[in-house]
PDB file of N, CA and C in Angstrom:
ATOM      1  N   MET A   1      11.347 -15.596   8.930  1.00  0.00           N
ATOM      2  CA  MET A   1      11.505 -14.249   8.436  1.00  0.00           C
ATOM      3  C   MET A   1      12.584 -13.559   9.270  1.00  0.00           C
ATOM      4  N   SER A   2      13.394 -12.795   8.585  1.00  0.00           N
ATOM      5  CA  SER A   2      14.489 -12.096   9.236  1.00  0.00           C
ATOM      6  C   SER A   2      13.974 -10.993  10.148  1.00  0.00           C
ATOM      7  N   ALA A   3      14.709 -10.749  11.224  1.00  0.00           N
ATOM      8  CA  ALA A   3      14.395  -9.643  12.121  1.00  0.00           C
ATOM      9  C   ALA A   3      15.071  -8.352  11.665  1.00  0.00           C
ATOM     10  N   ASP A   4      15.998  -8.452  10.710  1.00  0.00           N
ATOM     11  CA  ASP A   4      16.709  -7.275  10.213  1.00  0.00           C
ATOM     12  C   ASP A   4      15.777  -6.428   9.355  1.00  0.00           C
ATOM     13  N   ARG A   5      16.061  -5.114   9.347  1.00  0.00           N
ATOM     14  CA  ARG A   5      15.163  -4.196   8.646  1.00  0.00           C
ATOM     15  C   ARG A   5      15.923  -3.081   7.956  1.00  0.00           C
ATOM     16  N   ILE A   6      15.370  -2.641   6.834  1.00  0.00           N
ATOM     17  CA  ILE A   6      15.763  -1.392   6.197  1.00  0.00           C
ATOM     18  C   ILE A   6      14.517  -0.516   6.216  1.00  0.00           C
ATOM     19  N   GLY A   7      14.648   0.674   6.772  1.00  0.00           N
ATOM     20  CA  GLY A   7      13.516   1.581   6.849  1.00  0.00           C
ATOM     21  C   GLY A   7      13.759   2.847   6.047  1.00  0.00           C
ATOM     22  N   VAL A   8      12.720   3.318   5.409  1.00  0.00           N
ATOM     23  CA  VAL A   8      12.740   4.608   4.717  1.00  0.00           C
ATOM     24  C   VAL A   8      11.507   5.352   5.225  1.00  0.00           C
ATOM     25  N   ALA A   9      11.728   6.500   5.865  1.00  0.00           N
ATOM     26  CA  ALA A   9      10.636   7.186   6.548  1.00  0.00           C
ATOM     27  C   ALA A   9      10.142   8.416   5.786  1.00  0.00           C
ATOM     28  N   ARG A  10       8.848   8.476   5.594  1.00  0.00           N
ATOM     29  CA  ARG A  10       8.122   9.669   5.125  1.00  0.00           C
ATOM     30  C   ARG A  10       8.682  10.288   3.850  1.00  0.00           C
ATOM     31  N   ILE A  11       8.681   9.492   2.800  1.00  0.00           N
ATOM     32  CA  ILE A  11       9.025   9.993   1.470  1.00  0.00           C
ATOM     33  C   ILE A  11       7.866  10.897   1.035  1.00  0.00           C
ATOM     34  N   ALA A  12       8.142  12.145   0.760  1.00  0.00           N
ATOM     35  CA  ALA A  12       7.084  13.079   0.337  1.00  0.00           C
ATOM     36  C   ALA A  12       6.909  13.004  -1.169  1.00  0.00           C
ATOM     37  N   VAL A  13       5.664  12.830  -1.606  1.00  0.00           N
ATOM     38  CA  VAL A  13       5.354  12.802  -3.035  1.00  0.00           C
ATOM     39  C   VAL A  13       4.086  13.625  -3.267  1.00  0.00           C
ATOM     40  N   PHE A  14       3.941  14.116  -4.492  1.00  0.00           N
ATOM     41  CA  PHE A  14       2.716  14.801  -4.888  1.00  0.00           C
ATOM     42  C   PHE A  14       1.981  13.866  -5.834  1.00  0.00           C
ATOM     43  N   GLY A  15       0.745  13.532  -5.477  1.00  0.00           N
ATOM     44  CA  GLY A  15      -0.030  12.618  -6.302  1.00  0.00           C
ATOM     45  C   GLY A  15      -1.472  13.066  -6.419  1.00  0.00           C
ATOM     46  N   ARG A  16      -2.211  12.367  -7.263  1.00  0.00           N
ATOM     47  CA  ARG A  16      -3.608  12.700  -7.529  1.00  0.00           C
ATOM     48  C   ARG A  16      -4.514  11.539  -7.129  1.00  0.00           C
ATOM     49  N   HIS A  17      -4.241  10.965  -5.958  1.00  0.00           N
ATOM     50  CA  HIS A  17      -4.974   9.796  -5.487  1.00  0.00           C
ATOM     51  C   HIS A  17      -6.176  10.220  -4.655  1.00  0.00           C
ATOM     52  N   GLY A  18      -7.272   9.509  -4.845  1.00  0.00           N
ATOM     53  CA  GLY A  18      -8.467   9.776  -4.060  1.00  0.00           C
ATOM     54  C   GLY A  18      -9.721   9.475  -4.843  1.00  0.00           C
ATOM     55  N   VAL A  19     -10.796   9.313  -4.125  1.00  0.00           N
ATOM     56  CA  VAL A  19     -12.083   8.960  -4.719  1.00  0.00           C
ATOM     57  C   VAL A  19     -12.765  10.183  -5.339  1.00  0.00           C
ATOM     58  N   LEU A  20     -12.569  11.339  -4.738  1.00  0.00           N
ATOM     59  CA  LEU A  20     -13.276  12.538  -5.201  1.00  0.00           C
ATOM     60  C   LEU A  20     -12.660  13.105  -6.482  1.00  0.00           C
ATOM     61  N   PRO A  21     -13.491  13.617  -7.388  1.00  0.00           N
ATOM     62  CA  PRO A  21     -12.975  14.191  -8.635  1.00  0.00           C
ATOM     63  C   PRO A  21     -11.966  15.325  -8.399  1.00  0.00           C
ATOM     64  N   GLU A  22     -12.195  16.135  -7.361  1.00  0.00           N
ATOM     65  CA  GLU A  22     -11.279  17.241  -7.079  1.00  0.00           C
ATOM     66  C   GLU A  22      -9.869  16.744  -6.759  1.00  0.00           C
ATOM     67  N   GLU A  23      -9.779  15.574  -6.127  1.00  0.00           N
ATOM     68  CA  GLU A  23      -8.465  15.027  -5.771  1.00  0.00           C
ATOM     69  C   GLU A  23      -7.676  14.663  -7.026  1.00  0.00           C
ATOM     70  N   ALA A  24      -8.381  14.212  -8.044  1.00  0.00           N
ATOM     71  CA  ALA A  24      -7.711  13.877  -9.305  1.00  0.00           C
ATOM     72  C   ALA A  24      -7.229  15.124 -10.020  1.00  0.00           C
ATOM     73  N   VAL A  25      -7.961  16.215  -9.865  1.00  0.00           N
ATOM     74  CA  VAL A  25      -7.604  17.459 -10.543  1.00  0.00           C
ATOM     75  C   VAL A  25      -6.530  18.219  -9.775  1.00  0.00           C
ATOM     76  N   LEU A  26      -6.755  18.434  -8.500  1.00  0.00           N
ATOM     77  CA  LEU A  26      -5.871  19.274  -7.702  1.00  0.00           C
ATOM     78  C   LEU A  26      -4.622  18.542  -7.212  1.00  0.00           C
ATOM     79  N   GLY A  27      -4.773  17.287  -6.848  1.00  0.00           N
ATOM     80  CA  GLY A  27      -3.663  16.543  -6.269  1.00  0.00           C
ATOM     81  C   GLY A  27      -3.340  17.028  -4.868  1.00  0.00           C
ATOM     82  N   GLN A  28      -2.419  16.338  -4.210  1.00  0.00           N
ATOM     83  CA  GLN A  28      -2.013  16.695  -2.855  1.00  0.00           C
ATOM     84  C   GLN A  28      -0.754  15.942  -2.475  1.00  0.00           C
ATOM     85  N   ARG A  29      -0.213  16.285  -1.330  1.00  0.00           N
ATOM     86  CA  ARG A  29       0.997  15.631  -0.821  1.00  0.00           C
ATOM     87  C   ARG A  29       0.622  14.347  -0.078  1.00  0.00           C
ATOM     88  N   PHE A  30       1.457  13.349  -0.262  1.00  0.00           N
ATOM     89  CA  PHE A  30       1.355  12.084   0.457  1.00  0.00           C
ATOM     90  C   PHE A  30       2.729  11.780   1.030  1.00  0.00           C
ATOM     91  N   TYR A  31       2.755  11.000   2.105  1.00  0.00           N
ATOM     92  CA  TYR A  31       4.016  10.519   2.666  1.00  0.00           C
ATOM     93  C   TYR A  31       3.991   9.001   2.664  1.00  0.00           C
ATOM     94  N   ILE A  32       5.079   8.409   2.208  1.00  0.00           N
ATOM     95  CA  ILE A  32       5.181   6.954   2.133  1.00  0.00           C
ATOM     96  C   ILE A  32       6.368   6.509   2.985  1.00  0.00           C
ATOM     97  N   SER A  33       6.125   5.533   3.835  1.00  0.00           N
ATOM     98  CA  SER A  33       7.187   4.945   4.651  1.00  0.00           C
ATOM     99  C   SER A  33       7.288   3.469   4.338  1.00  0.00           C
ATOM    100  N   LEU A  34       8.522   2.971   4.308  1.00  0.00           N
ATOM    101  CA  LEU A  34       8.796   1.574   3.965  1.00  0.00           C
ATOM    102  C   LEU A  34       9.578   0.911   5.085  1.00  0.00           C
ATOM    103  N   ASP A  35       9.249  -0.335   5.366  1.00  0.00           N
ATOM    104  CA  ASP A  35       9.983  -1.140   6.346  1.00  0.00           C
ATOM    105  C   ASP A  35      10.187  -2.515   5.717  1.00  0.00           C
ATOM    106  N   ALA A  36      11.382  -2.725   5.165  1.00  0.00           N
ATOM    107  CA  ALA A  36      11.693  -3.986   4.483  1.00  0.00           C
ATOM    108  C   ALA A  36      12.405  -4.921   5.454  1.00  0.00           C
ATOM    109  N   ARG A  37      11.964  -6.165   5.488  1.00  0.00           N
ATOM    110  CA  ARG A  37      12.598  -7.176   6.339  1.00  0.00           C
ATOM    111  C   ARG A  37      13.410  -8.111   5.455  1.00  0.00           C
ATOM    112  N   LEU A  38      14.676  -8.232   5.780  1.00  0.00           N
ATOM    113  CA  LEU A  38      15.586  -9.099   5.033  1.00  0.00           C
ATOM    114  C   LEU A  38      16.819  -9.358   5.875  1.00  0.00           C
ATOM    115  N   ASP A  39      17.582 -10.359   5.495  1.00  0.00           N
ATOM    116  CA  ASP A  39      18.806 -10.714   6.216  1.00  0.00           C
ATOM    117  C   ASP A  39      19.911  -9.741   5.819  1.00  0.00           C
ATOM    118  N   LEU A  40      20.358  -8.922   6.764  1.00  0.00           N
ATOM    119  CA  LEU A  40      21.407  -7.938   6.499  1.00  0.00           C
ATOM    120  C   LEU A  40      22.794  -8.420   6.922  1.00  0.00           C
ATOM    121  N   ALA A  41      22.890  -9.649   7.429  1.00  0.00           N
ATOM    122  CA  ALA A  41      24.194 -10.163   7.866  1.00  0.00           C
ATOM    123  C   ALA A  41      25.223 -10.206   6.732  1.00  0.00           C
ATOM    124  N   PRO A  42      24.886 -10.668   5.533  1.00  0.00           N
ATOM    125  CA  PRO A  42      25.885 -10.676   4.455  1.00  0.00           C
ATOM    126  C   PRO A  42      26.438  -9.282   4.155  1.00  0.00           C
ATOM    127  N   ALA A  43      25.584  -8.281   4.131  1.00  0.00           N
ATOM    128  CA  ALA A  43      26.039  -6.910   3.872  1.00  0.00           C
ATOM    129  C   ALA A  43      26.875  -6.388   5.039  1.00  0.00           C
ATOM    130  N   GLY A  44      26.463  -6.716   6.242  1.00  0.00           N
ATOM    131  CA  GLY A  44      27.200  -6.272   7.414  1.00  0.00           C
ATOM    132  C   GLY A  44      28.599  -6.862   7.477  1.00  0.00           C
ATOM    133  N   ARG A  45      28.731  -8.115   7.065  1.00  0.00           N
ATOM    134  CA  ARG A  45      30.051  -8.770   7.076  1.00  0.00           C
ATOM    135  C   ARG A  45      30.934  -8.304   5.933  1.00  0.00           C
ATOM    136  N   SER A  46      30.335  -8.063   4.761  1.00  0.00           N
ATOM    137  CA  SER A  46      31.135  -7.747   3.572  1.00  0.00           C
ATOM    138  C   SER A  46      31.334  -6.249   3.345  1.00  0.00           C
ATOM    139  N   ASP A  47      30.477  -5.433   3.916  1.00  0.00           N
ATOM    140  CA  ASP A  47      30.493  -3.987   3.666  1.00  0.00           C
ATOM    141  C   ASP A  47      30.339  -3.695   2.174  1.00  0.00           C
ATOM    142  N   ASP A  48      29.480  -4.501   1.500  1.00  0.00           N
ATOM    143  CA  ASP A  48      29.291  -4.417   0.053  1.00  0.00           C
ATOM    144  C   ASP A  48      27.801  -4.236  -0.245  1.00  0.00           C
ATOM    145  N   VAL A  49      27.458  -3.161  -0.949  1.00  0.00           N
ATOM    146  CA  VAL A  49      26.065  -2.862  -1.261  1.00  0.00           C
ATOM    147  C   VAL A  49      25.419  -3.960  -2.113  1.00  0.00           C
ATOM    148  N   ALA A  50      26.219  -4.754  -2.794  1.00  0.00           N
ATOM    149  CA  ALA A  50      25.671  -5.844  -3.607  1.00  0.00           C
ATOM    150  C   ALA A  50      25.010  -6.921  -2.737  1.00  0.00           C
ATOM    151  N   HIS A  51      25.268  -6.901  -1.432  1.00  0.00           N
ATOM    152  CA  HIS A  51      24.712  -7.907  -0.531  1.00  0.00           C
ATOM    153  C   HIS A  51      23.517  -7.391   0.264  1.00  0.00           C
ATOM    154  N   THR A  52      22.927  -6.316  -0.211  1.00  0.00           N
ATOM    155  CA  THR A  52      21.755  -5.761   0.468  1.00  0.00           C
ATOM    156  C   THR A  52      20.797  -5.211  -0.581  1.00  0.00           C
ATOM    157  N   VAL A  53      19.786  -4.517  -0.137  1.00  0.00           N
ATOM    158  CA  VAL A  53      18.862  -3.812  -1.021  1.00  0.00           C
ATOM    159  C   VAL A  53      19.051  -2.328  -0.731  1.00  0.00           C
ATOM    160  N   SER A  54      19.336  -1.571  -1.746  1.00  0.00           N
ATOM    161  CA  SER A  54      19.596  -0.142  -1.584  1.00  0.00           C
ATOM    162  C   SER A  54      18.327   0.597  -1.190  1.00  0.00           C
ATOM    163  N   TYR A  55      18.424   1.413  -0.149  1.00  0.00           N
ATOM    164  CA  TYR A  55      17.256   2.216   0.226  1.00  0.00           C
ATOM    165  C   TYR A  55      16.918   3.231  -0.852  1.00  0.00           C
ATOM    166  N   ALA A  56      17.900   3.616  -1.660  1.00  0.00           N
ATOM    167  CA  ALA A  56      17.621   4.510  -2.792  1.00  0.00           C
ATOM    168  C   ALA A  56      16.728   3.808  -3.814  1.00  0.00           C
ATOM    169  N   ASP A  57      16.964   2.522  -4.056  1.00  0.00           N
ATOM    170  CA  ASP A  57      16.127   1.757  -4.991  1.00  0.00           C
ATOM    171  C   ASP A  57      14.714   1.565  -4.443  1.00  0.00           C
ATOM    172  N   LEU A  58      14.604   1.299  -3.146  1.00  0.00           N
ATOM    173  CA  LEU A  58      13.280   1.176  -2.533  1.00  0.00           C
ATOM    174  C   LEU A  58      12.505   2.486  -2.673  1.00  0.00           C
ATOM    175  N   THR A  59      13.194   3.581  -2.417  1.00  0.00           N
ATOM    176  CA  THR A  59      12.576   4.903  -2.521  1.00  0.00           C
ATOM    177  C   THR A  59      12.111   5.185  -3.941  1.00  0.00           C
ATOM    178  N   ARG A  60      12.945   4.876  -4.917  1.00  0.00           N
ATOM    179  CA  ARG A  60      12.615   5.137  -6.318  1.00  0.00           C
ATOM    180  C   ARG A  60      11.340   4.398  -6.724  1.00  0.00           C
ATOM    181  N   ILE A  61      11.187   3.151  -6.307  1.00  0.00           N
ATOM    182  CA  ILE A  61       9.977   2.394  -6.638  1.00  0.00           C
ATOM    183  C   ILE A  61       8.743   3.098  -6.072  1.00  0.00           C
ATOM    184  N   ALA A  62       8.810   3.495  -4.807  1.00  0.00           N
ATOM    185  CA  ALA A  62       7.663   4.163  -4.176  1.00  0.00           C
ATOM    186  C   ALA A  62       7.330   5.473  -4.887  1.00  0.00           C
ATOM    187  N   VAL A  63       8.346   6.279  -5.183  1.00  0.00           N
ATOM    188  CA  VAL A  63       8.124   7.562  -5.849  1.00  0.00           C
ATOM    189  C   VAL A  63       7.545   7.351  -7.246  1.00  0.00           C
ATOM    190  N   ASP A  64       8.111   6.429  -7.998  1.00  0.00           N
ATOM    191  CA  ASP A  64       7.630   6.185  -9.357  1.00  0.00           C
ATOM    192  C   ASP A  64       6.162   5.769  -9.373  1.00  0.00           C
ATOM    193  N   ILE A  65       5.809   4.833  -8.527  1.00  0.00           N
ATOM    194  CA  ILE A  65       4.426   4.346  -8.510  1.00  0.00           C
ATOM    195  C   ILE A  65       3.479   5.451  -8.044  1.00  0.00           C
ATOM    196  N   ALA A  66       3.872   6.182  -7.012  1.00  0.00           N
ATOM    197  CA  ALA A  66       2.987   7.205  -6.443  1.00  0.00           C
ATOM    198  C   ALA A  66       2.814   8.420  -7.351  1.00  0.00           C
ATOM    199  N   THR A  67       3.791   8.689  -8.215  1.00  0.00           N
ATOM    200  CA  THR A  67       3.704   9.878  -9.063  1.00  0.00           C
ATOM    201  C   THR A  67       3.310   9.580 -10.509  1.00  0.00           C
ATOM    202  N   GLU A  68       3.476   8.356 -10.952  1.00  0.00           N
ATOM    203  CA  GLU A  68       3.179   8.028 -12.348  1.00  0.00           C
ATOM    204  C   GLU A  68       1.839   7.324 -12.536  1.00  0.00           C
ATOM    205  N   ARG A  69       1.250   6.844 -11.453  1.00  0.00           N
ATOM    206  CA  ARG A  69      -0.036   6.159 -11.531  1.00  0.00           C
ATOM    207  C   ARG A  69      -1.047   6.883 -10.647  1.00  0.00           C
ATOM    208  N   ARG A  70      -2.309   6.600 -10.862  1.00  0.00           N
ATOM    209  CA  ARG A  70      -3.360   7.196 -10.042  1.00  0.00           C
ATOM    210  C   ARG A  70      -4.203   6.086  -9.431  1.00  0.00           C
ATOM    211  N   PHE A  71      -4.502   6.244  -8.148  1.00  0.00           N
ATOM    212  CA  PHE A  71      -5.306   5.266  -7.426  1.00  0.00           C
ATOM    213  C   PHE A  71      -6.455   5.982  -6.731  1.00  0.00           C
ATOM    214  N   ASN A  72      -7.610   5.352  -6.690  1.00  0.00           N
ATOM    215  CA  ASN A  72      -8.719   5.882  -5.909  1.00  0.00           C
ATOM    216  C   ASN A  72      -8.436   5.742  -4.419  1.00  0.00           C
ATOM    217  N   LEU A  73      -7.844   4.627  -4.045  1.00  0.00           N
ATOM    218  CA  LEU A  73      -7.621   4.319  -2.634  1.00  0.00           C
ATOM    219  C   LEU A  73      -6.138   4.284  -2.306  1.00  0.00           C
ATOM    220  N   ILE A  74      -5.780   4.812  -1.126  1.00  0.00           N
ATOM    221  CA  ILE A  74      -4.383   4.715  -0.707  1.00  0.00           C
ATOM    222  C   ILE A  74      -4.029   3.268  -0.356  1.00  0.00           C
ATOM    223  N   GLU A  75      -5.028   2.461  -0.084  1.00  0.00           N
ATOM    224  CA  GLU A  75      -4.784   1.033   0.114  1.00  0.00           C
ATOM    225  C   GLU A  75      -4.218   0.410  -1.164  1.00  0.00           C
ATOM    226  N   ALA A  76      -4.763   0.808  -2.311  1.00  0.00           N
ATOM    227  CA  ALA A  76      -4.287   0.273  -3.596  1.00  0.00           C
ATOM    228  C   ALA A  76      -2.894   0.789  -3.923  1.00  0.00           C
ATOM    229  N   LEU A  77      -2.610   2.030  -3.576  1.00  0.00           N
ATOM    230  CA  LEU A  77      -1.259   2.568  -3.756  1.00  0.00           C
ATOM    231  C   LEU A  77      -0.258   1.768  -2.932  1.00  0.00           C
ATOM    232  N   ALA A  78      -0.564   1.531  -1.673  1.00  0.00           N
ATOM    233  CA  ALA A  78       0.324   0.745  -0.811  1.00  0.00           C
ATOM    234  C   ALA A  78       0.517  -0.669  -1.356  1.00  0.00           C
ATOM    235  N   GLU A  79      -0.558  -1.268  -1.822  1.00  0.00           N
ATOM    236  CA  GLU A  79      -0.493  -2.633  -2.368  1.00  0.00           C
ATOM    237  C   GLU A  79       0.420  -2.691  -3.595  1.00  0.00           C
ATOM    238  N   ALA A  80       0.303  -1.719  -4.484  1.00  0.00           N
ATOM    239  CA  ALA A  80       1.139  -1.691  -5.690  1.00  0.00           C
ATOM    240  C   ALA A  80       2.618  -1.540  -5.338  1.00  0.00           C
ATOM    241  N   ILE A  81       2.924  -0.704  -4.368  1.00  0.00           N
ATOM    242  CA  ILE A  81       4.313  -0.522  -3.943  1.00  0.00           C
ATOM    243  C   ILE A  81       4.854  -1.800  -3.328  1.00  0.00           C
ATOM    244  N   ALA A  82       4.087  -2.422  -2.442  1.00  0.00           N
ATOM    245  CA  ALA A  82       4.531  -3.660  -1.800  1.00  0.00           C
ATOM    246  C   ALA A  82       4.789  -4.755  -2.833  1.00  0.00           C
ATOM    247  N   ALA A  83       3.870  -4.908  -3.780  1.00  0.00           N
ATOM    248  CA  ALA A  83       4.027  -5.942  -4.814  1.00  0.00           C
ATOM    249  C   ALA A  83       5.270  -5.693  -5.656  1.00  0.00           C
ATOM    250  N   ALA A  84       5.510  -4.444  -6.027  1.00  0.00           N
ATOM    251  CA  ALA A  84       6.681  -4.121  -6.849  1.00  0.00           C
ATOM    252  C   ALA A  84       7.986  -4.411  -6.109  1.00  0.00           C
ATOM    253  N   ILE A  85       8.030  -4.082  -4.832  1.00  0.00           N
ATOM    254  CA  ILE A  85       9.254  -4.335  -4.055  1.00  0.00           C
ATOM    255  C   ILE A  85       9.496  -5.828  -3.905  1.00  0.00           C
ATOM    256  N   LEU A  86       8.466  -6.591  -3.578  1.00  0.00           N
ATOM    257  CA  LEU A  86       8.652  -8.044  -3.450  1.00  0.00           C
ATOM    258  C   LEU A  86       9.029  -8.671  -4.787  1.00  0.00           C
ATOM    259  N   ASN A  87       8.481  -8.153  -5.870  1.00  0.00           N
ATOM    260  CA  ASN A  87       8.792  -8.679  -7.193  1.00  0.00           C
ATOM    261  C   ASN A  87      10.229  -8.370  -7.615  1.00  0.00           C
ATOM    262  N   ARG A  88      10.688  -7.178  -7.312  1.00  0.00           N
ATOM    263  CA  ARG A  88      12.007  -6.745  -7.793  1.00  0.00           C
ATOM    264  C   ARG A  88      13.168  -7.210  -6.914  1.00  0.00           C
ATOM    265  N   PHE A  89      12.937  -7.390  -5.621  1.00  0.00           N
ATOM    266  CA  PHE A  89      14.032  -7.679  -4.692  1.00  0.00           C
ATOM    267  C   PHE A  89      13.805  -9.007  -3.968  1.00  0.00           C
ATOM    268  N   PRO A  90      14.303 -10.108  -4.525  1.00  0.00           N
ATOM    269  CA  PRO A  90      14.124 -11.420  -3.895  1.00  0.00           C
ATOM    270  C   PRO A  90      14.635 -11.519  -2.449  1.00  0.00           C
ATOM    271  N   PRO A  91      15.667 -10.769  -2.046  1.00  0.00           N
ATOM    272  CA  PRO A  91      16.096 -10.885  -0.644  1.00  0.00           C
ATOM    273  C   PRO A  91      15.074 -10.372   0.370  1.00  0.00           C
ATOM    274  N   VAL A  92      14.137  -9.530  -0.053  1.00  0.00           N
ATOM    275  CA  VAL A  92      13.154  -8.974   0.874  1.00  0.00           C
ATOM    276  C   VAL A  92      12.130 -10.054   1.222  1.00  0.00           C
ATOM    277  N   ASP A  93      12.066 -10.394   2.517  1.00  0.00           N
ATOM    278  CA  ASP A  93      11.117 -11.404   2.996  1.00  0.00           C
ATOM    279  C   ASP A  93       9.727 -10.818   3.200  1.00  0.00           C
ATOM    280  N   ALA A  94       9.682  -9.564   3.664  1.00  0.00           N
ATOM    281  CA  ALA A  94       8.409  -8.898   3.922  1.00  0.00           C
ATOM    282  C   ALA A  94       8.610  -7.398   3.805  1.00  0.00           C
ATOM    283  N   ILE A  95       7.535  -6.712   3.489  1.00  0.00           N
ATOM    284  CA  ILE A  95       7.586  -5.253   3.353  1.00  0.00           C
ATOM    285  C   ILE A  95       6.326  -4.659   3.984  1.00  0.00           C
ATOM    286  N   THR A  96       6.525  -3.640   4.802  1.00  0.00           N
ATOM    287  CA  THR A  96       5.409  -2.857   5.310  1.00  0.00           C
ATOM    288  C   THR A  96       5.451  -1.511   4.603  1.00  0.00           C
ATOM    289  N   VAL A  97       4.311  -1.129   4.043  1.00  0.00           N
ATOM    290  CA  VAL A  97       4.183   0.156   3.351  1.00  0.00           C
ATOM    291  C   VAL A  97       3.116   0.947   4.083  1.00  0.00           C
ATOM    292  N   GLN A  98       3.479   2.142   4.518  1.00  0.00           N
ATOM    293  CA  GLN A  98       2.509   3.052   5.128  1.00  0.00           C
ATOM    294  C   GLN A  98       2.354   4.256   4.220  1.00  0.00           C
ATOM    295  N   VAL A  99       1.115   4.614   3.942  1.00  0.00           N
ATOM    296  CA  VAL A  99       0.813   5.799   3.146  1.00  0.00           C
ATOM    297  C   VAL A  99       0.012   6.748   4.026  1.00  0.00           C
ATOM    298  N   ASP A 100       0.549   7.949   4.209  1.00  0.00           N
ATOM    299  CA  ASP A 100      -0.117   9.000   4.984  1.00  0.00           C
ATOM    300  C   ASP A 100      -0.707  10.021   4.024  1.00  0.00           C
ATOM    301  N   LYS A 101      -1.929  10.413   4.302  1.00  0.00           N
ATOM    302  CA  LYS A 101      -2.635  11.406   3.486  1.00  0.00           C
ATOM    303  C   LYS A 101      -3.036  12.548   4.422  1.00  0.00           C
ATOM    304  N   PRO A 102      -2.141  13.535   4.574  1.00  0.00           N
ATOM    305  CA  PRO A 102      -2.398  14.584   5.567  1.00  0.00           C
ATOM    306  C   PRO A 102      -3.555  15.511   5.231  1.00  0.00           C
ATOM    307  N   SER A 103      -3.916  15.644   3.975  1.00  0.00           N
ATOM    308  CA  SER A 103      -4.989  16.569   3.585  1.00  0.00           C
ATOM    309  C   SER A 103      -6.235  15.827   3.121  1.00  0.00           C
ATOM    310  N   ALA A 104      -6.527  14.731   3.776  1.00  0.00           N
ATOM    311  CA  ALA A 104      -7.713  13.954   3.403  1.00  0.00           C
ATOM    312  C   ALA A 104      -8.965  14.808   3.547  1.00  0.00           C
ATOM    313  N   PRO A 105      -9.871  14.725   2.569  1.00  0.00           N
ATOM    314  CA  PRO A 105     -11.090  15.534   2.619  1.00  0.00           C
ATOM    315  C   PRO A 105     -12.118  14.937   3.584  1.00  0.00           C
ATOM    316  N   VAL A 106     -11.843  15.132   4.863  1.00  0.00           N
ATOM    317  CA  VAL A 106     -12.715  14.612   5.912  1.00  0.00           C
ATOM    318  C   VAL A 106     -13.267  15.813   6.682  1.00  0.00           C
ATOM    319  N   PRO A 107     -14.550  15.850   6.931  1.00  0.00           N
ATOM    320  CA  PRO A 107     -15.127  17.011   7.622  1.00  0.00           C
ATOM    321  C   PRO A 107     -14.838  16.975   9.129  1.00  0.00           C
ATOM    322  N   ALA A 108     -13.558  17.055   9.454  1.00  0.00           N
ATOM    323  CA  ALA A 108     -13.125  17.064  10.850  1.00  0.00           C
ATOM    324  C   ALA A 108     -11.732  17.675  10.897  1.00  0.00           C
ATOM    325  N   ILE A 109     -11.329  18.098  12.073  1.00  0.00           N
ATOM    326  CA  ILE A 109      -9.977  18.612  12.244  1.00  0.00           C
ATOM    327  C   ILE A 109      -9.101  17.432  12.633  1.00  0.00           C
ATOM    328  N   LEU A 110      -8.175  17.086  11.731  1.00  0.00           N
ATOM    329  CA  LEU A 110      -7.285  15.960  11.994  1.00  0.00           C
ATOM    330  C   LEU A 110      -5.942  16.202  11.332  1.00  0.00           C
ATOM    331  N   ASP A 111      -4.941  15.475  11.792  1.00  0.00           N
ATOM    332  CA  ASP A 111      -3.601  15.607  11.210  1.00  0.00           C
ATOM    333  C   ASP A 111      -3.471  14.852   9.898  1.00  0.00           C
ATOM    334  N   GLY A 112      -4.361  13.925   9.654  1.00  0.00           N
ATOM    335  CA  GLY A 112      -4.305  13.139   8.427  1.00  0.00           C
ATOM    336  C   GLY A 112      -4.828  11.742   8.671  1.00  0.00           C
ATOM    337  N   VAL A 113      -4.850  10.981   7.604  1.00  0.00           N
ATOM    338  CA  VAL A 113      -5.237   9.575   7.672  1.00  0.00           C
ATOM    339  C   VAL A 113      -4.103   8.751   7.088  1.00  0.00           C
ATOM    340  N   SER A 114      -4.086   7.473   7.418  1.00  0.00           N
ATOM    341  CA  SER A 114      -3.038   6.614   6.873  1.00  0.00           C
ATOM    342  C   SER A 114      -3.526   5.177   6.796  1.00  0.00           C
ATOM    343  N   VAL A 115      -2.849   4.425   5.939  1.00  0.00           N
ATOM    344  CA  VAL A 115      -3.006   2.977   5.905  1.00  0.00           C
ATOM    345  C   VAL A 115      -1.610   2.379   5.988  1.00  0.00           C
ATOM    346  N   ALA A 116      -1.534   1.211   6.579  1.00  0.00           N
ATOM    347  CA  ALA A 116      -0.277   0.476   6.623  1.00  0.00           C
ATOM    348  C   ALA A 116      -0.595  -0.979   6.316  1.00  0.00           C
ATOM    349  N   ILE A 117       0.142  -1.536   5.358  1.00  0.00           N
ATOM    350  CA  ILE A 117      -0.046  -2.940   5.000  1.00  0.00           C
ATOM    351  C   ILE A 117       1.289  -3.653   5.113  1.00  0.00           C
ATOM    352  N   THR A 118       1.240  -4.923   5.428  1.00  0.00           N
ATOM    353  CA  THR A 118       2.435  -5.762   5.434  1.00  0.00           C
ATOM    354  C   THR A 118       2.175  -6.943   4.530  1.00  0.00           C
ATOM    355  N   ARG A 119       3.078  -7.143   3.593  1.00  0.00           N
ATOM    356  CA  ARG A 119       2.992  -8.280   2.684  1.00  0.00           C
ATOM    357  C   ARG A 119       4.297  -9.052   2.781  1.00  0.00           C
ATOM    358  N   GLN A 120       4.184 -10.352   2.764  1.00  0.00           N
ATOM    359  CA  GLN A 120       5.401 -11.154   2.825  1.00  0.00           C
ATOM    360  C   GLN A 120       5.445 -12.157   1.697  1.00  0.00           C
ATOM    361  N   ARG A 121       6.669 -12.523   1.399  1.00  0.00           N
ATOM    362  CA  ARG A 121       6.923 -13.489   0.348  1.00  0.00           C
ATOM    363  C   ARG A 121       6.398 -14.844   0.787  1.00  0.00           C
ATOM    364  N   GLU A 122       5.932 -15.605  -0.166  1.00  0.00           N
ATOM    365  CA  GLU A 122       5.520 -16.972   0.126  1.00  0.00           C
ATOM    366  C   GLU A 122       6.708 -17.734   0.710  1.00  0.00           C
ATOM    367  N   GLU A 123       6.422 -18.764   1.480  1.00  0.00           N
ATOM    368  CA  GLU A 123       7.497 -19.555   2.081  1.00  0.00           C
ATOM    369  C   GLU A 123       8.479 -20.025   1.039  1.00  0.00           C
ATOM    370  N   ARG A 124       9.755 -19.871   1.357  1.00  0.00           N
ATOM    371  CA  ARG A 124      10.802 -20.328   0.439  1.00  0.00           C
ATOM    372  C   ARG A 124      11.014 -21.817   0.638  1.00  0.00           C
ATOM    373  N   PRO A 125      11.329 -22.550  -0.456  1.00  0.00           N
ATOM    374  CA  PRO A 125      11.520 -24.005  -0.340  1.00  0.00           C
ATOM    375  C   PRO A 125      12.717 -24.363   0.504  1.00  0.00           C
TER     376      PRO A 125
END
């Protein structure tokens, strides 16, 4: 797996994710961060966007999934984003997706909750 990375930090989206009925009705803000691992040497040598994965495209996938679909669990939201990125971008060897839920309905004073998952492509032949 490549040590090179493309990162997109704290994409803000408004979604209706959560187990509680109120979360589906009211919605709330979520933050999504992406860390894609892939070989960036071809892009670095050529200075050509065709030899990399555009961070704008990575962002669009996360925003589309988070705003057009509804999930009970932020784990499922992260999983859907990771699967879509691995499916759409063959150069990506692995992707870490973090979903932050700052207004989680937890009876405590906290800054928020988050999940982070890492999924990687099956070994290439």
